């Protein structure tokens, strides 16, 4: 029945495909935003983190904690190591245009290896020097041709680029510089002002118990959470302080409505074309549920036919936007399933709306 008019079917499938792509884009932007904001946090090599409670987001430098507090935490038997992470926002000079742009700076003792980033593990010697730094090669192309071997001005001091790694920008960070603690001191950083304390527990330690002990020991202005809790804290901040959830959530609803309208037009026209047949079936005594099953079957077929090319095109769009925007958008199985579970009800809702005409058809009037 859908294939009776092939031109209409092609246009209908294209319309459903468009609605599917809109929903994939909205899901991808929202998920990509959140993933980018916690990308560095998810790569930390540790069990717990200590942060200042007034620091609303770990994606930007804020309130600090003192190194003395971290030294106190080291005295707990279940704590194997506490790594101080220093963070700041500094100005970096474009070596090609001499323009300055703001960049995030992360510093830590090089022997601690606190971040799982490709490239960092092979350059511990470079991080021990006070005049060298590492650069995120997936930073936005605003900083010029920053490549190993060049000397770049960072925070008013000329540093040698010893190597690169891969992390990616986010909505608050265009690029990131990684230096060792000696370079941090040489740039004027305060060794006593720590942005984040990364705690590594002893093997087999009871992490919930250790977390509770540290919370009871530390003053109220400090917060101790595991890495999963820190990621949840970032998600809560994004939902509370940024409009992205509302923006992309509204786009998802709009894509759903677009799909309902397109499917409705297709199925309504199909019902009108076969109205005498539907009326005859009703006159023969078939129940309304039979007609519902027929139209719902058409709706599901239409949804599946439009979903398949929508997934394929969304893969291409995700790859293009990832390369152009500087942050990663990944079409995961969970996101594919989410949009599929929206697509089928979308088409079924349109089918139920279109079916009303067939359910009210009077055979005497039709013929």
Protein backbone atom coordinates (compact mmCIF):
# COMPACT_ATOMS: atom_id res chain seq x y z
CA UNK A 1 0.00 0.00 0.00
CA UNK A 2 2.85 2.38 0.77
CA UNK A 3 4.58 1.46 -2.48
CA UNK A 4 1.53 2.04 -4.62
CA UNK A 5 2.74 5.56 -5.37
CA UNK A 6 6.51 5.31 -5.35
CA UNK A 7 7.17 9.02 -5.70
CA UNK A 8 5.11 9.79 -2.62
CA UNK A 9 6.91 6.99 -0.74
CA UNK A 10 10.34 8.41 -1.61
CA UNK A 11 9.33 11.88 -0.43
CA UNK A 12 7.84 10.45 2.77
CA UNK A 13 10.95 8.42 3.55
CA UNK A 14 13.08 11.51 2.93
CA UNK A 15 10.88 13.49 5.32
CA UNK A 16 11.18 10.88 8.06
CA UNK A 17 14.92 10.71 7.39
CA UNK A 18 15.15 14.48 7.86
CA UNK A 19 13.27 14.28 11.17
CA UNK A 20 15.58 11.46 12.31
CA UNK A 21 18.66 13.53 11.43
CA UNK A 22 17.29 16.52 13.37
CA UNK A 23 16.81 14.33 16.46
CA UNK A 24 20.27 12.78 16.06
CA UNK A 25 21.83 16.25 15.81
CA UNK A 26 20.12 17.48 18.96
CA UNK A 27 21.06 14.35 20.91
CA UNK A 28 24.61 14.57 19.53
CA UNK A 29 25.07 18.24 20.43
CA UNK A 30 23.78 17.77 23.96
CA UNK A 31 25.79 14.59 24.56
CA UNK A 32 28.88 16.05 22.87
CA UNK A 33 28.63 19.15 25.06
CA UNK A 34 28.48 17.08 28.22
CA UNK A 35 31.19 14.66 27.10
CA UNK A 36 33.53 17.51 26.21
CA UNK A 37 33.00 19.20 29.56
CA UNK A 38 34.06 16.08 31.50
CA UNK A 39 36.63 14.75 29.01
CA UNK A 40 39.61 15.67 31.18
CA UNK A 41 37.91 14.48 34.35
CA UNK A 42 37.26 11.04 32.85
CA UNK A 43 40.95 10.63 32.03
CA UNK A 44 42.25 11.16 35.55
CA UNK A 45 44.19 8.25 37.03
CA UNK A 46 42.86 8.12 40.55
CA UNK A 47 40.03 7.12 42.86
CA UNK A 48 38.84 10.30 44.59
CA UNK A 49 39.22 14.04 44.09
CA UNK A 50 39.28 16.90 46.58
CA UNK A 51 37.96 20.25 45.41
CA UNK A 52 36.84 23.50 46.93
CA UNK A 53 33.09 23.36 47.49
CA UNK A 54 32.69 26.86 46.03
CA UNK A 55 34.19 25.76 42.74
CA UNK A 56 31.07 25.20 40.67
CA UNK A 57 32.68 23.48 37.69
CA UNK A 58 35.93 21.62 37.13
CA UNK A 59 35.98 22.83 33.52
CA UNK A 60 37.32 26.22 34.59
CA UNK A 61 39.80 27.37 37.25
CA UNK A 62 38.16 28.60 40.41
CA UNK A 63 38.48 28.40 44.18
CA UNK A 64 41.57 26.49 45.32
CA UNK A 65 42.66 24.33 48.22
CA UNK A 66 45.95 24.50 50.09
CA UNK A 67 48.78 22.04 49.66
CA UNK A 68 48.86 21.66 53.46
CA UNK A 69 45.42 20.02 53.34
CA UNK A 70 46.65 17.49 50.82
CA UNK A 71 49.62 16.71 53.05
CA UNK A 72 47.18 15.95 55.86
CA UNK A 73 45.22 13.58 53.64
CA UNK A 74 48.44 11.70 52.84
CA UNK A 75 48.58 10.56 56.48
CA UNK A 76 45.57 8.27 56.10
CA UNK A 77 46.72 4.62 55.92
CA UNK A 78 44.41 3.80 53.01
CA UNK A 79 45.76 6.69 50.91
CA UNK A 80 48.63 5.65 48.65
CA UNK A 81 49.26 9.00 46.97
CA UNK A 82 47.79 12.49 46.63
CA UNK A 83 48.64 14.35 43.42
CA UNK A 84 48.25 18.14 43.28
CA UNK A 85 46.78 19.46 40.02
CA UNK A 86 47.38 23.16 39.31
CA UNK A 87 45.14 24.99 36.86
CA UNK A 88 44.96 28.49 35.45
CA UNK A 89 43.82 30.46 32.43
CA UNK A 90 46.68 32.26 30.74
CA UNK A 91 47.34 34.15 27.54
CA UNK A 92 49.14 32.38 24.71
CA UNK A 93 50.66 34.15 21.73
CA UNK A 94 49.91 32.97 18.23
CA UNK A 95 53.39 32.40 16.73
CA UNK A 96 52.13 33.28 13.25
CA UNK A 97 50.01 36.40 13.84
CA UNK A 98 51.29 37.65 17.23
CA UNK A 99 47.71 37.71 18.53
CA UNK A 100 47.02 36.58 22.08
CA UNK A 101 44.28 34.16 23.07
CA UNK A 102 43.22 32.63 26.36
CA UNK A 103 44.21 29.03 26.93
CA UNK A 104 43.78 26.64 29.86
CA UNK A 105 46.94 25.53 31.64
CA UNK A 106 47.27 22.29 33.59
CA UNK A 107 50.31 21.52 35.73
CA UNK A 108 51.30 18.58 37.93
CA UNK A 109 54.40 16.72 39.14
CA UNK A 110 55.56 14.85 36.02
CA UNK A 111 56.43 11.63 37.84
CA UNK A 112 52.85 11.28 39.13
CA UNK A 113 51.36 10.58 35.64
CA UNK A 114 47.84 11.65 36.73
CA UNK A 115 46.17 11.97 33.31
CA UNK A 116 45.66 9.26 30.72
CA UNK A 117 46.39 11.23 27.54
CA UNK A 118 48.11 9.86 24.43
CA UNK A 119 51.51 11.52 24.24
CA UNK A 120 51.98 12.39 27.91
CA UNK A 121 53.37 9.03 28.95
CA UNK A 122 56.29 9.28 26.58
CA UNK A 123 57.45 12.74 27.62
CA UNK A 124 58.19 12.74 31.38
CA UNK A 125 61.63 14.29 30.79
CA UNK A 126 60.17 17.24 28.93
CA UNK A 127 57.72 17.94 31.76
CA UNK A 128 60.57 18.06 34.25
CA UNK A 129 62.01 21.13 32.52
CA UNK A 130 60.88 24.61 33.47
CA UNK A 131 61.00 25.93 29.89
CA UNK A 132 58.93 23.32 28.00
CA UNK A 133 55.28 22.46 27.57
CA UNK A 134 52.95 20.03 25.82
CA UNK A 135 50.11 21.08 23.55
CA UNK A 136 46.71 19.58 22.76
CA UNK A 137 46.82 19.08 19.00
CA UNK A 138 43.01 18.89 18.92
CA UNK A 139 42.70 22.46 20.15
CA UNK A 140 40.78 24.88 17.97
CA UNK A 141 42.84 26.32 15.09
CA UNK A 142 42.97 29.77 16.71
CA UNK A 143 46.50 29.52 17.99
CA UNK A 144 48.38 29.21 14.72
CA UNK A 145 50.82 26.55 13.64
CA UNK A 146 51.77 25.17 17.04
CA UNK A 147 53.99 22.16 16.40
CA UNK A 148 56.83 20.43 18.26
CA UNK A 149 60.10 22.32 18.08
CA UNK A 150 58.61 25.81 18.04
CA UNK A 151 59.00 28.34 20.82
CA UNK A 152 55.75 29.95 21.93
CA UNK A 153 55.00 32.68 24.45
CA UNK A 154 52.78 31.36 27.24
CA UNK A 155 51.81 33.53 30.22
CA UNK A 156 54.51 36.04 29.33
CA UNK A 157 57.30 33.45 29.15
CA UNK A 158 58.78 31.79 26.07
CA UNK A 159 58.43 28.02 26.29
CA UNK A 160 59.65 25.25 24.02
CA UNK A 161 56.97 22.89 22.67
CA UNK A 162 58.28 19.43 23.46
CA UNK A 163 55.34 17.35 22.22
CA UNK A 164 51.62 17.02 21.71
CA UNK A 165 48.72 14.98 23.01
CA UNK A 166 45.03 14.59 22.13
CA UNK A 167 42.14 15.76 24.28
CA UNK A 168 39.88 18.21 22.43
CA UNK A 169 38.25 21.55 23.13
CA UNK A 170 34.92 22.15 24.80
CA UNK A 171 32.50 25.04 25.12
CA UNK A 172 34.62 26.77 27.75
CA UNK A 173 38.08 25.78 26.52
CA UNK A 174 39.65 26.49 23.13
CA UNK A 175 42.92 24.76 23.93
CA UNK A 176 45.00 23.40 26.77
CA UNK A 177 48.68 23.59 27.72
CA UNK A 178 50.25 20.96 30.00
CA UNK A 179 53.42 21.73 31.96
CA UNK A 180 55.31 20.17 34.82
CA UNK A 181 55.28 21.61 38.31
CA UNK A 182 58.69 23.29 37.77
CA UNK A 183 57.35 25.19 34.77
CA UNK A 184 54.30 26.13 36.83
CA UNK A 185 56.53 27.69 39.47
CA UNK A 186 58.61 29.45 36.80
CA UNK A 187 55.44 30.96 35.34
CA UNK A 188 54.62 32.45 38.73
CA UNK A 189 52.15 29.84 39.93
CA UNK A 190 51.64 29.48 43.66
CA UNK A 191 52.80 26.00 44.81
CA UNK A 192 50.46 26.20 47.79
CA UNK A 193 47.30 26.88 45.77
CA UNK A 194 46.03 23.61 44.32
CA UNK A 195 43.01 23.41 42.03
CA UNK A 196 42.27 19.69 42.50
CA UNK A 197 43.70 17.01 44.73
CA UNK A 198 43.75 13.59 43.07
CA UNK A 199 43.69 10.75 45.60
CA UNK A 200 44.97 7.26 44.81
CA UNK A 201 43.95 4.67 47.36
CA UNK A 202 45.87 1.60 48.46
CA UNK A 203 45.00 -1.60 46.55
CA UNK A 204 41.92 -3.20 48.07
CA UNK A 205 40.95 -0.09 50.03
CA UNK A 206 37.29 0.47 50.90
CA UNK A 207 36.64 3.61 48.84
CA UNK A 208 33.20 4.52 50.28
CA UNK A 209 34.61 4.19 53.79
CA UNK A 210 37.68 6.26 52.90
CA UNK A 211 35.50 8.89 51.27
CA UNK A 212 33.34 9.12 54.41
CA UNK A 213 36.44 9.42 56.63
CA UNK A 214 37.89 12.22 54.53
CA UNK A 215 34.60 14.10 54.52
CA UNK A 216 34.47 13.92 58.30
CA UNK A 217 38.10 15.01 58.60
CA UNK A 218 38.24 17.88 56.11
CA UNK A 219 36.67 21.29 56.79
CA UNK A 220 33.22 22.13 55.33
CA UNK A 221 34.69 24.24 52.51
CA UNK A 222 36.25 21.15 50.88
CA UNK A 223 34.40 18.37 49.07
CA UNK A 224 35.53 14.78 48.47
CA UNK A 225 33.90 12.77 45.67
CA UNK A 226 34.79 9.83 43.48
CA UNK A 227 35.31 10.38 39.76
CA UNK A 228 31.77 9.28 38.91
CA UNK A 229 30.38 11.69 41.48
CA UNK A 230 32.54 14.47 40.06
CA UNK A 231 31.13 13.79 36.57
CA UNK A 232 27.59 13.88 37.97
CA UNK A 233 28.44 17.18 39.64
CA UNK A 234 29.50 18.57 36.25
CA UNK A 235 26.27 17.35 34.63
CA UNK A 236 24.26 19.04 37.38
CA UNK A 237 26.14 22.28 36.81
CA UNK A 238 25.48 22.15 33.07
CA UNK A 239 21.79 21.57 33.63
CA UNK A 240 21.56 24.28 36.28
CA UNK A 241 23.76 27.05 34.94
CA UNK A 242 23.70 26.64 31.16
CA UNK A 243 20.78 26.72 28.72
CA UNK A 244 22.04 23.84 26.58
CA UNK A 245 19.61 21.32 28.04
CA UNK A 246 16.64 23.52 27.19
CA UNK A 247 18.00 24.46 23.76
CA UNK A 248 18.84 20.98 22.54
CA UNK A 249 15.86 19.43 24.33
CA UNK A 250 13.56 21.84 22.47
CA UNK A 251 15.27 20.91 19.21
CA UNK A 252 14.62 17.24 19.93
CA UNK A 253 10.92 17.97 20.47
CA UNK A 254 10.81 20.01 17.25
CA UNK A 255 12.37 17.14 15.30
CA UNK A 256 9.77 14.79 16.75
CA UNK A 257 6.93 17.14 15.76
CA UNK A 258 8.35 17.51 12.24
CA UNK A 259 8.35 13.75 11.86
CA UNK A 260 4.76 13.46 13.12
CA UNK A 261 3.57 16.07 10.61
CA UNK A 262 5.39 14.46 7.68
CA UNK A 263 4.21 10.95 8.54
CA UNK A 264 0.67 12.22 9.10
CA UNK A 265 0.51 13.79 5.65
CA UNK A 266 1.72 10.58 4.03
CA UNK A 267 -0.55 8.23 5.93
CA UNK A 268 -3.56 10.54 5.70
CA UNK A 269 -3.24 10.66 1.92
CA UNK A 270 -2.83 6.90 1.84
CA UNK A 271 -6.01 6.48 3.93
CA UNK A 272 -7.91 8.81 1.59
CA UNK A 273 -6.71 6.88 -1.46
CA UNK A 274 -8.02 3.62 0.01
CA UNK A 275 -11.03 4.98 1.85
CA UNK A 276 -13.52 2.79 -0.09
CA UNK A 277 -11.54 -0.31 0.86
CA UNK A 278 -11.40 0.70 4.53
CA UNK A 279 -15.13 1.43 4.50
CA UNK A 280 -15.84 -1.95 2.92
CA UNK A 281 -13.78 -3.72 5.57
CA UNK A 282 -15.76 -1.95 8.28
CA UNK A 283 -19.04 -2.88 6.57
CA UNK A 284 -17.95 -6.53 6.48
CA UNK A 285 -17.67 -6.46 10.26
CA UNK A 286 -13.93 -6.17 10.81
CA UNK A 287 -13.23 -4.44 14.14
CA UNK A 288 -11.56 -1.05 14.37
CA UNK A 289 -8.46 -2.69 15.87
CA UNK A 290 -7.90 -4.45 12.56
CA UNK A 291 -7.73 -1.10 10.78
CA UNK A 292 -5.48 0.24 13.50
CA UNK A 293 -3.15 -2.70 12.95
CA UNK A 294 -2.97 -2.06 9.22
CA UNK A 295 -2.17 1.64 9.56
CA UNK A 296 0.25 1.07 12.42
CA UNK A 297 2.04 -1.50 10.30
CA UNK A 298 2.43 1.09 7.56
CA UNK A 299 3.66 3.63 10.11
CA UNK A 300 6.31 1.25 11.46
CA UNK A 301 7.49 0.43 7.94
CA UNK A 302 7.73 4.12 7.15
CA UNK A 303 9.71 4.74 10.34
CA UNK A 304 12.19 1.92 9.63
CA UNK A 305 12.65 2.99 6.00
CA UNK A 306 13.39 6.57 7.08
CA UNK A 307 15.53 5.61 10.08
CA UNK A 308 18.13 3.57 8.17
CA UNK A 309 19.38 6.37 5.88
CA UNK A 310 19.03 8.81 8.77
CA UNK A 311 21.57 6.83 10.78
CA UNK A 312 23.98 6.65 7.84
CA UNK A 313 23.80 10.39 7.15
CA UNK A 314 24.10 11.19 10.85
CA UNK A 315 27.38 9.23 10.98
CA UNK A 316 28.75 11.47 8.25
CA UNK A 317 27.47 14.65 9.90
CA UNK A 318 28.92 13.63 13.28
CA UNK A 319 32.33 13.05 11.69
CA UNK A 320 32.20 16.39 9.86
CA UNK A 321 31.14 18.35 12.94
CA UNK A 322 33.73 16.59 15.12
CA UNK A 323 36.48 17.69 12.74
CA UNK A 324 35.14 21.23 12.39
CA UNK A 325 33.92 22.04 15.90
CA UNK A 326 36.91 20.64 17.78
CA UNK A 327 34.89 18.51 20.20
CA UNK A 328 33.86 14.93 19.73
CA UNK A 329 30.38 13.78 18.75
CA UNK A 330 30.00 10.01 18.93
CA UNK A 331 27.05 8.03 17.57
CA UNK A 332 26.94 5.39 20.30
CA UNK A 333 24.58 2.38 20.27
CA UNK A 334 22.67 3.91 23.20
CA UNK A 335 22.05 7.11 21.24
CA UNK A 336 21.00 5.17 18.14
CA UNK A 337 18.54 3.18 20.25
CA UNK A 338 17.22 6.38 21.87
CA UNK A 339 16.41 7.99 18.52
CA UNK A 340 14.96 4.74 17.17
CA UNK A 341 12.64 4.53 20.19
CA UNK A 342 11.53 8.06 19.39
CA UNK A 343 11.11 7.44 15.65
CA UNK A 344 8.71 4.49 15.88
CA UNK A 345 6.29 6.20 18.33
CA UNK A 346 6.56 9.33 16.17
CA UNK A 347 5.30 7.43 13.13
CA UNK A 348 2.70 5.53 15.13
CA UNK A 349 1.30 8.76 16.56
CA UNK A 350 0.97 10.11 13.03
CA UNK A 351 -0.73 6.89 11.98
CA UNK A 352 -3.29 7.14 14.76
CA UNK A 353 -4.09 10.71 13.75
CA UNK A 354 -4.52 9.73 10.10
CA UNK A 355 -6.64 6.70 11.00
CA UNK A 356 -9.43 8.84 12.41
CA UNK A 357 -10.72 9.46 8.89
CA UNK A 358 -11.01 5.74 8.15
CA UNK A 359 -12.70 4.96 11.47
CA UNK A 360 -15.43 7.52 10.75
CA UNK A 361 -15.98 6.46 7.15
CA UNK A 362 -19.57 5.46 6.36
CA UNK A 363 -19.82 2.92 3.51
CA UNK A 364 -23.10 4.45 2.38
CA UNK A 365 -21.46 7.86 1.99
CA UNK A 366 -18.28 6.53 0.36
CA UNK A 367 -20.15 4.61 -2.33
